[in-house]
Protein backbone atom coordinates (compact mmCIF):
# COMPACT_ATOMS: atom_id res chain seq x y z
CA MET A 1 0.00 0.00 0.00
CA LYS A 2 1.56 3.27 -1.11
CA LYS A 3 2.17 5.96 1.49
CA ILE A 4 1.61 9.58 0.41
CA HIS A 5 2.45 12.88 2.08
CA ILE A 6 0.68 16.07 0.97
CA MET A 7 2.32 19.45 1.65
CA SER A 8 -0.34 22.16 1.43
CA LEU A 9 0.75 25.78 1.05
CA GLY A 10 -1.10 29.06 0.75
CA CYS A 11 -4.70 29.88 1.55
CA ALA A 12 -7.59 27.92 3.06
CA LYS A 13 -9.00 27.32 -0.43
CA ASN A 14 -5.81 25.47 -1.30
CA LEU A 15 -6.10 23.50 1.93
CA VAL A 16 -9.57 22.34 0.88
CA ASP A 17 -8.10 21.17 -2.45
CA SER A 18 -5.52 19.13 -0.54
CA GLU A 19 -8.22 17.64 1.69
CA VAL A 20 -10.33 16.68 -1.33
CA LEU A 21 -7.32 15.02 -2.95
CA GLY A 22 -6.46 13.28 0.31
CA GLY A 23 -9.98 11.92 0.58
CA GLN A 24 -9.83 10.56 -2.96
CA LEU A 25 -6.53 8.83 -2.21
CA LYS A 26 -7.73 7.29 1.07
CA ARG A 27 -10.85 6.00 -0.68
CA ARG A 28 -8.52 4.08 -2.98
CA ASP A 29 -6.63 2.55 -0.04
CA TYR A 30 -3.61 4.83 -0.07
CA THR A 31 -2.18 5.77 3.31
CA LEU A 32 -1.66 9.45 4.08
CA THR A 33 1.30 10.17 6.33
CA THR A 34 2.28 13.39 8.05
CA ASN A 35 5.95 12.40 7.82
CA PRO A 36 7.45 13.02 4.36
CA SER A 37 10.39 10.73 5.09
CA ASP A 38 7.94 7.82 5.40
CA ALA A 39 6.16 8.60 2.13
CA GLU A 40 6.75 6.92 -1.20
CA LEU A 41 5.13 9.91 -2.91
CA ILE A 42 5.27 13.57 -1.83
CA ILE A 43 2.66 15.88 -3.35
CA VAL A 44 3.40 19.61 -3.00
CA ASN A 45 0.25 21.72 -3.39
CA THR A 46 1.73 25.11 -4.16
CA CYS A 47 0.71 28.77 -3.90
CA GLY A 48 1.67 31.28 -6.59
CA PHE A 49 -0.20 34.41 -5.58
CA ILE A 50 2.67 36.78 -4.71
CA GLU A 51 6.47 36.67 -4.72
CA GLU A 52 6.86 35.49 -1.12
CA ALA A 53 4.36 32.67 -1.68
CA LYS A 54 6.18 31.59 -4.82
CA LYS A 55 9.49 31.48 -2.95
CA GLU A 56 7.93 29.40 -0.18
CA SER A 57 6.51 26.97 -2.74
CA ILE A 58 9.84 26.62 -4.56
CA GLN A 59 11.55 25.94 -1.23
CA ALA A 60 8.96 23.26 -0.41
CA ILE A 61 9.54 21.59 -3.79
CA PHE A 62 13.29 21.45 -3.18
CA GLU A 63 12.71 20.07 0.32
CA ALA A 64 10.60 17.30 -1.21
CA ILE A 65 13.32 16.60 -3.76
CA GLU A 66 15.86 16.29 -0.93
CA TYR A 67 13.80 13.43 0.48
CA LYS A 68 13.81 11.91 -3.01
CA ASN A 69 17.59 12.27 -3.25
CA GLU A 70 17.94 10.35 0.02
CA ASP A 71 15.60 7.61 -1.22
CA LYS A 72 15.53 7.07 -4.98
CA GLY A 73 12.30 5.13 -4.65
CA LYS A 74 10.35 8.26 -3.76
CA GLN A 75 8.47 10.42 -6.25
CA VAL A 76 7.55 14.11 -6.16
CA PHE A 77 4.37 15.53 -7.71
CA VAL A 78 3.71 19.28 -7.84
CA THR A 79 0.23 20.74 -8.12
CA GLY A 80 -1.63 23.96 -7.29
CA CYS A 81 -1.38 27.61 -8.27
CA LEU A 82 2.37 27.84 -8.91
CA SER A 83 2.41 24.87 -11.25
CA GLN A 84 -0.76 26.06 -12.97
CA ARG A 85 0.96 29.36 -13.66
CA TYR A 86 4.52 28.21 -14.36
CA LYS A 87 4.30 24.62 -15.58
CA GLU A 88 6.79 25.06 -18.44
CA GLU A 89 9.31 26.90 -16.25
CA LEU A 90 9.10 24.29 -13.48
CA THR A 91 9.47 21.46 -16.00
CA ALA A 92 12.58 23.05 -17.48
CA GLU A 93 14.24 24.25 -14.28
CA ILE A 94 13.45 21.43 -11.83
CA PRO A 95 13.64 18.18 -13.84
CA ALA A 96 13.65 16.11 -10.64
CA ILE A 97 9.88 16.69 -10.36
CA ASP A 98 8.18 13.49 -11.49
CA ALA A 99 4.85 15.05 -12.53
CA ILE A 100 3.33 18.54 -12.64
CA PHE A 101 -0.38 19.35 -12.43
CA GLY A 102 -2.52 22.48 -12.22
CA THR A 103 -5.24 23.45 -9.76
CA GLU A 104 -8.03 20.97 -8.99
CA ASP A 105 -6.41 18.33 -11.25
CA TYR A 106 -7.64 15.53 -9.01
CA GLU A 107 -8.55 13.17 -11.84
CA GLN A 108 -5.23 13.68 -13.63
CA ILE A 109 -3.28 12.95 -10.44
CA LEU A 110 -5.27 9.77 -9.85
CA ASN A 111 -4.79 8.72 -13.48
CA ARG A 112 -1.04 9.16 -13.10
CA LEU A 113 -1.21 6.75 -10.16
CA GLY A 114 -3.07 4.25 -12.33
CA GLU A 115 -6.45 4.94 -10.74
CA ASN A 116 -9.72 5.64 -12.53
CA ASN A 117 -13.48 5.85 -11.85
CA PHE A 118 -13.19 9.43 -10.61
CA HIS A 119 -16.59 10.97 -9.86
CA ALA A 120 -16.29 14.76 -9.61
CA GLU A 121 -19.75 15.19 -8.12
CA GLU A 122 -18.74 13.09 -5.10
CA MET A 123 -15.29 14.53 -4.42
CA TYR A 124 -16.34 16.86 -1.58
CA LYS A 125 -18.23 14.06 0.18
CA MET A 126 -15.01 12.31 1.17
CA ARG A 127 -12.62 15.07 2.21
CA ASP A 128 -9.85 14.09 4.60
CA LEU A 129 -9.98 16.96 7.09
CA THR A 130 -6.57 18.20 8.21
CA THR A 131 -7.85 20.96 10.48
CA PRO A 132 -8.74 20.20 14.10
CA ARG A 133 -12.06 18.38 13.94
CA HIS A 134 -14.02 21.20 15.55
CA PHE A 135 -13.62 23.59 12.61
CA ALA A 136 -13.50 23.16 8.86
CA TYR A 137 -13.39 25.25 5.71
CA LEU A 138 -16.12 24.96 3.10
CA LYS A 139 -15.29 26.15 -0.43
CA ILE A 140 -18.43 27.49 -2.10
CA SER A 141 -16.94 28.66 -5.39
CA GLU A 142 -13.76 28.88 -7.41
CA GLY A 143 -12.19 31.55 -9.61
CA CYS A 144 -12.95 35.26 -9.90
CA ASN A 145 -14.55 37.61 -12.45
CA HIS A 146 -12.87 40.78 -11.17
CA THR A 147 -9.89 42.29 -12.98
CA CYS A 148 -8.02 43.87 -10.07
CA ALA A 149 -4.75 45.20 -11.48
CA PHE A 150 -2.55 43.64 -8.78
CA CYS A 151 -4.09 40.15 -8.78
CA ALA A 152 -3.07 37.07 -10.76
CA ILE A 153 -5.80 34.80 -9.38
CA PRO A 154 -8.18 35.05 -12.40
CA ASN A 155 -5.26 34.05 -14.64
CA ILE A 156 -4.58 31.06 -12.40
CA ARG A 157 -8.01 29.92 -11.24
CA GLY A 158 -10.16 31.17 -14.11
CA GLU A 159 -13.59 32.77 -14.05
CA HIS A 160 -15.91 32.55 -11.06
CA HIS A 161 -17.89 29.32 -10.89
CA SER A 162 -20.24 28.59 -8.00
CA ARG A 163 -21.01 25.18 -6.63
CA LYS A 164 -24.64 24.02 -6.52
CA ILE A 165 -26.52 24.91 -3.34
CA GLU A 166 -27.66 21.31 -2.88
CA ASP A 167 -24.06 20.04 -3.11
CA ILE A 168 -22.89 22.56 -0.53
CA LEU A 169 -25.73 21.68 1.84
CA ALA A 170 -24.93 17.99 1.48
CA GLU A 171 -21.32 18.71 2.43
CA THR A 172 -22.34 20.77 5.48
CA LYS A 173 -24.26 17.76 6.83
CA ILE A 174 -21.22 15.54 6.39
CA LEU A 175 -19.01 18.06 8.19
CA ALA A 176 -21.51 18.42 11.03
CA ASP A 177 -21.66 14.63 11.41
CA GLN A 178 -17.86 14.65 11.75
CA GLY A 179 -18.08 16.97 14.74
CA VAL A 180 -17.41 20.35 13.11
CA LYS A 181 -18.67 23.19 15.29
CA GLU A 182 -17.30 26.18 13.38
CA LEU A 183 -18.01 26.28 9.64
CA ILE A 184 -15.83 28.72 7.69
CA LEU A 185 -16.99 29.54 4.17
CA VAL A 186 -14.28 30.48 1.66
CA SER A 187 -14.17 31.58 -1.96
CA GLN A 188 -12.38 34.22 -3.98
CA ASP A 189 -15.43 36.53 -3.84
CA THR A 190 -18.13 35.43 -1.43
CA SER A 191 -20.39 38.35 -2.39
CA TYR A 192 -20.63 37.02 -5.96
CA TYR A 193 -21.71 33.52 -5.03
CA GLY A 194 -24.52 32.24 -7.27
CA LYS A 195 -24.55 34.98 -9.91
CA ASP A 196 -23.03 32.72 -12.56
CA ARG A 197 -25.28 29.76 -11.76
CA TYR A 198 -28.53 31.39 -10.60
CA SER A 199 -28.33 34.83 -12.32
CA LYS A 200 -28.26 36.60 -8.96
CA SER A 201 -26.27 36.52 -5.75
CA MET A 202 -27.46 33.62 -3.60
CA ILE A 203 -25.05 33.94 -0.71
CA VAL A 204 -27.66 35.19 1.78
CA ASP A 205 -30.03 32.40 0.72
CA LEU A 206 -27.26 29.84 1.11
CA LEU A 207 -26.30 31.09 4.56
CA SER A 208 -29.97 31.10 5.62
CA LYS A 209 -30.36 27.48 4.56
CA ILE A 210 -27.22 26.42 6.42
CA ALA A 211 -28.14 28.34 9.58
CA ALA A 212 -31.72 27.04 9.56
CA GLU A 213 -30.43 23.48 9.97
CA ASP A 214 -28.86 24.50 13.31
CA MET A 215 -25.86 22.18 12.83
CA PHE A 216 -23.04 24.58 13.78
CA THR A 217 -22.36 26.89 16.72
CA TRP A 218 -20.45 29.37 14.57
CA ILE A 219 -20.81 30.11 10.85
CA ARG A 220 -18.07 32.39 9.56
CA PRO A 221 -18.03 33.45 5.87
CA LEU A 222 -14.73 34.98 4.69
CA TYR A 223 -13.61 37.13 1.73
CA TRP A 224 -16.49 39.50 0.95
CA TYR A 225 -16.05 41.94 -1.96
CA PRO A 226 -17.25 45.47 -1.07
CA SER A 227 -18.76 46.65 -4.37
CA ASN A 228 -21.43 43.92 -4.43
CA PHE A 229 -21.64 43.28 -0.69
CA PRO A 230 -25.21 42.29 0.34
CA ARG A 231 -26.22 44.30 3.39
CA GLU A 232 -28.86 41.64 4.07
CA PHE A 233 -26.01 39.54 5.43
CA ILE A 234 -25.66 41.88 8.43
CA HIS A 235 -29.39 41.64 9.13
CA LEU A 236 -29.10 37.85 8.88
CA MET A 237 -26.89 37.96 11.98
CA ASN A 238 -29.88 39.27 13.90
CA THR A 239 -31.99 36.35 12.66
CA TYR A 240 -29.52 33.56 13.37
CA ASP A 241 -27.17 33.68 16.38
CA THR A 242 -24.95 31.09 14.72
CA ILE A 243 -23.97 33.55 11.98
CA ILE A 244 -21.40 35.36 14.04
CA PRO A 245 -20.83 39.14 13.88
CA TYR A 246 -17.56 39.00 11.97
CA LEU A 247 -16.91 40.59 8.58
CA ASP A 248 -13.79 39.89 6.52
CA MET A 249 -13.88 42.31 3.59
CA PRO A 250 -10.53 43.14 1.93
CA VAL A 251 -10.79 46.69 0.58
CA GLN A 252 -7.09 46.99 -0.47
CA HIS A 253 -6.82 50.80 -0.25
CA ALA A 254 -8.69 53.99 0.65
CA SER A 255 -7.36 56.54 -1.84
CA ASP A 256 -9.74 56.98 -4.78
CA ARG A 257 -6.78 57.46 -7.10
CA VAL A 258 -5.07 54.24 -6.03
CA LEU A 259 -8.35 52.33 -6.04
CA GLY A 260 -8.74 53.45 -9.64
CA LEU A 261 -5.23 52.25 -10.50
CA MET A 262 -6.10 48.96 -8.82
CA ARG A 263 -9.24 48.70 -11.00
CA ARG A 264 -11.42 48.55 -7.94
CA ALA A 265 -15.01 49.73 -8.22
CA GLU A 266 -15.21 51.39 -4.79
CA LYS A 267 -14.63 54.95 -3.67
CA LYS A 268 -13.42 55.99 -0.23
CA GLU A 269 -16.65 57.76 0.74
CA ILE A 270 -18.73 54.75 -0.28
CA LEU A 271 -16.55 52.53 1.90
CA VAL A 272 -16.88 54.93 4.85
CA GLN A 273 -20.67 54.92 4.51
CA LEU A 274 -20.78 51.15 4.12
CA TYR A 275 -18.88 50.58 7.36
CA LYS A 276 -21.01 53.17 9.13
CA GLN A 277 -24.20 51.37 8.09
CA ILE A 278 -22.79 48.00 9.12
CA LYS A 279 -21.85 49.27 12.59
CA GLU A 280 -25.29 50.83 13.03
CA ILE A 281 -26.93 47.45 12.39
CA ARG A 282 -24.44 45.41 14.46
CA PRO A 283 -22.37 47.55 16.85
CA ASP A 284 -20.62 44.43 18.16
CA ILE A 285 -19.37 43.31 14.75
CA ALA A 286 -15.67 42.51 14.37
CA LEU A 287 -14.29 44.09 11.20
CA ARG A 288 -11.35 42.52 9.35
CA THR A 289 -9.76 43.83 6.16
CA THR A 290 -6.61 43.68 4.05
CA PHE A 291 -4.59 46.47 2.44
CA ILE A 292 -1.82 46.64 -0.14
CA VAL A 293 0.88 49.28 0.27
CA GLY A 294 3.35 50.30 -2.40
CA HIS A 295 1.05 49.74 -5.37
CA PRO A 296 2.40 51.41 -8.54
CA GLY A 297 1.43 55.07 -8.47
CA GLU A 298 0.83 55.24 -4.70
CA THR A 299 2.08 58.62 -3.47
CA LYS A 300 2.77 59.86 0.04
CA ASP A 301 -0.59 61.64 -0.01
CA ASP A 302 -2.37 58.42 -1.04
CA PHE A 303 -0.75 56.62 1.86
CA GLU A 304 -1.78 59.39 4.26
CA GLN A 305 -5.37 58.94 3.11
CA LEU A 306 -5.09 55.23 3.82
CA LYS A 307 -3.82 55.90 7.35
CA GLU A 308 -6.66 58.35 8.00
CA PHE A 309 -9.17 55.76 6.81
CA ILE A 310 -7.77 53.15 9.19
CA GLU A 311 -7.93 55.58 12.10
CA MET A 312 -11.51 56.44 11.16
CA VAL A 313 -12.92 52.92 10.77
CA ARG A 314 -10.75 51.31 13.47
CA PHE A 315 -10.70 47.74 12.21
CA ASP A 316 -10.59 44.97 14.78
CA ARG A 317 -8.30 42.87 12.59
CA LEU A 318 -6.11 44.09 9.76
CA GLY A 319 -3.70 42.36 7.40
CA ALA A 320 -1.37 44.13 5.00
CA PHE A 321 0.90 43.20 2.12
CA VAL A 322 3.66 45.00 0.29
CA TYR A 323 2.74 45.11 -3.40
CA SER A 324 4.18 42.21 -5.40
CA ASP A 325 4.90 42.90 -9.08
CA GLU A 326 3.29 39.94 -10.84
CA GLU A 327 3.69 39.34 -14.56
CA GLY A 328 0.42 39.02 -16.46
CA THR A 329 -1.40 41.51 -14.23
CA GLY A 330 -2.53 45.03 -15.15
CA ALA A 331 -0.32 46.64 -12.53
CA TYR A 332 2.79 44.93 -13.90
CA ASP A 333 2.81 47.32 -16.86
CA LEU A 334 2.13 50.47 -14.83
CA ASN A 335 4.79 53.13 -14.42
CA ASP A 336 5.62 54.96 -11.17
CA LYS A 337 6.65 51.85 -9.29
CA VAL A 338 7.20 52.42 -5.57
CA ASP A 339 10.66 51.34 -4.43
CA LYS A 340 10.79 48.43 -2.00
CA GLU A 341 12.33 50.43 0.84
CA THR A 342 9.54 53.01 0.74
CA ALA A 343 6.90 50.29 0.52
CA GLN A 344 8.37 48.45 3.49
CA LYS A 345 8.45 51.65 5.56
CA ARG A 346 4.79 52.30 4.72
CA TYR A 347 3.91 48.73 5.68
CA ALA A 348 5.68 49.10 9.03
CA GLU A 349 3.96 52.43 9.71
CA LEU A 350 0.54 51.03 8.84
CA MET A 351 0.99 48.02 11.09
CA MET A 352 2.18 50.24 13.94
CA ILE A 353 -1.10 52.15 13.72
CA GLN A 354 -3.08 48.92 13.75
CA THR A 355 -1.08 47.57 16.69
CA GLN A 356 -2.16 50.59 18.74
CA ILE A 357 -5.79 50.20 17.66
CA SER A 358 -5.75 46.49 18.44
CA ASN A 359 -4.23 47.13 21.86
CA GLU A 360 -6.90 49.71 22.68
CA LYS A 361 -9.70 47.39 21.57
CA ASN A 362 -8.28 44.48 23.54
CA ASN A 363 -8.06 46.64 26.66
CA THR A 364 -11.84 47.12 26.55
CA LEU A 365 -12.16 43.36 27.12
CA LEU A 366 -10.20 43.36 30.39
CA ASP A 367 -12.13 41.80 33.28
CA THR A 368 -14.87 40.53 30.97
CA VAL A 369 -15.99 36.95 30.38
CA GLN A 370 -15.68 35.79 26.77
CA LYS A 371 -17.00 32.71 24.98
CA VAL A 372 -13.91 30.97 23.58
CA LEU A 373 -13.54 28.03 21.22
CA ILE A 374 -10.54 26.03 22.46
CA ASP A 375 -8.28 25.05 19.55
CA GLY A 376 -5.45 23.24 21.33
CA TYR A 377 -3.03 22.83 24.20
CA ASP A 378 0.69 23.58 24.38
CA GLN A 379 2.23 20.74 26.37
CA ASN A 380 5.53 22.57 26.85
CA GLN A 381 4.15 25.91 27.99
CA LYS A 382 1.12 24.40 29.72
CA TYR A 383 -1.58 26.58 28.24
CA TYR A 384 -4.71 26.21 26.15
CA HIS A 385 -5.21 28.49 23.17
CA GLY A 386 -8.49 29.44 21.57
CA ARG A 387 -10.47 32.16 19.86
CA THR A 388 -13.44 34.45 20.39
CA TYR A 389 -15.94 35.08 17.59
CA ARG A 390 -13.74 38.02 16.57
CA ASP A 391 -11.00 35.70 15.40
CA ALA A 392 -10.64 33.32 12.46
CA PRO A 393 -8.07 30.52 12.83
CA GLU A 394 -4.48 31.11 11.72
CA ILE A 395 -4.95 34.79 10.83
CA ASP A 396 -6.37 36.53 13.91
CA ASN A 397 -5.81 36.91 17.65
CA GLU A 398 -5.71 34.13 20.23
CA VAL A 399 -6.84 33.70 23.81
CA ILE A 400 -4.20 32.14 26.06
CA ILE A 401 -5.41 30.21 29.14
CA SER A 402 -2.72 28.92 31.50
CA ASP A 403 -3.55 25.53 32.98
CA PRO A 404 -1.08 22.84 34.15
CA ASP A 405 -3.68 20.09 33.71
CA PHE A 406 -4.41 18.96 30.17
CA LYS A 407 -7.94 17.65 29.59
CA GLU A 408 -8.49 16.26 26.10
CA LYS A 409 -12.23 16.91 26.12
CA VAL A 410 -11.60 20.65 26.48
CA ILE A 411 -10.20 20.83 22.93
CA GLY A 412 -12.98 21.79 20.55
CA SER A 413 -15.26 23.00 23.34
CA PHE A 414 -16.77 26.42 23.87
CA ILE A 415 -15.77 27.65 27.33
CA GLN A 416 -16.33 30.91 29.19
CA VAL A 417 -12.96 32.58 29.87
CA HIS A 418 -12.35 35.43 32.32
CA ILE A 419 -9.94 37.90 30.65
CA THR A 420 -7.28 39.07 33.11
CA ASP A 421 -4.61 40.55 30.81
CA VAL A 422 -4.17 41.66 27.20
CA SER A 423 -1.46 42.47 24.71
CA GLU A 424 -1.67 43.90 21.21
CA TYR A 425 -2.75 40.63 19.63
CA GLU A 426 -3.61 38.25 22.48
CA LEU A 427 -6.00 37.96 25.39
CA TYR A 428 -5.04 36.11 28.56
CA GLY A 429 -7.29 34.58 31.17
CA TYR A 430 -8.55 31.57 33.06
CA PHE A 431 -11.55 29.30 32.75
CA ASN A 432 -14.51 30.91 34.46
CA VAL A 433 -15.46 28.63 37.38
CA ASN A 434 -19.12 29.52 36.85
CA SER A 435 -19.14 28.36 33.22
């Protein structure tokens, strides 16, 4: 029986692809191992979104090849975004790779292994979850129809295509039966879900159907696009407690001029009004966003406008990237490139502002009791770590609960935690004895 190790890089959508592939392999009696040295085949599922991600993927490929060099019986397959985008270059420059595939090439990978009878309509029914069992990602669509100047995703993943509602609902039931308590919906543009298949956005309808089944404690959709954001989603939080007050909407910038260069449809004032309306409906909502600094044409004044916007909205969670010059994108051919040193300084300044905002917001939670989903336990440091509704796994803050006694049943449970201390990006506390 062949042993296979899958290295999954990049975003949660890529992780779902790896889990789907893993499920297909296990169904055919392959053994998945977490130790690459034990594997006869190493599959590297790559990311190719920006320069740093490409470097990480190349490094992972070479690490896999090192295992192959130590054991000539091993094979290395490469799949995912990087190989979709640079198949010819990888073939020419890294001949030690045994096979190269693109994104979602499940059937082709299985065929290469001598397997057949692949049924695409069943592939999500047998995912091999690699997240802790209490949360899972659910991919509702693939691709993107936007033409943002900085983004290579449409070139890699193609146009937006939504999954059928009935298929998604069937998968949610499977995940719930496996013990998932937090369902995290992912796509490239959640706001657009359904337009290609049903001629209108169906994301609110989809979320209503999932919430009505009352299978999950938390439902967390990620990656909303602002220009077609359905405000009904915020009202839906008032209808279903399981749809948590958390909004992840990457807006990328706040200068109208830079937004235009980015080929974004929004204007700063529209964004300001949108966030104002959202907060009026749900004052307790946690706002997350992402910005790009150093985009071609970004001036000092543009950056000052971005800082003012951040101070005005006061996001609970904020991620930022230094612009990556990606061939095949609209921004690649723009003039007025911002030098890397300036871009890095702007990034550092922006994150310093957010650190202060995050610290101030965390301080308001001192001496409160928070509902926390416990993700794990650090055996060395003797503490549990978990998250409030304000925090998505991997990308947001954590709650640290010191406890010398490990109890396995605590992992994956919702527990009331008394917050006794805070830092910029963590909360600290102890289990509330009354919970």
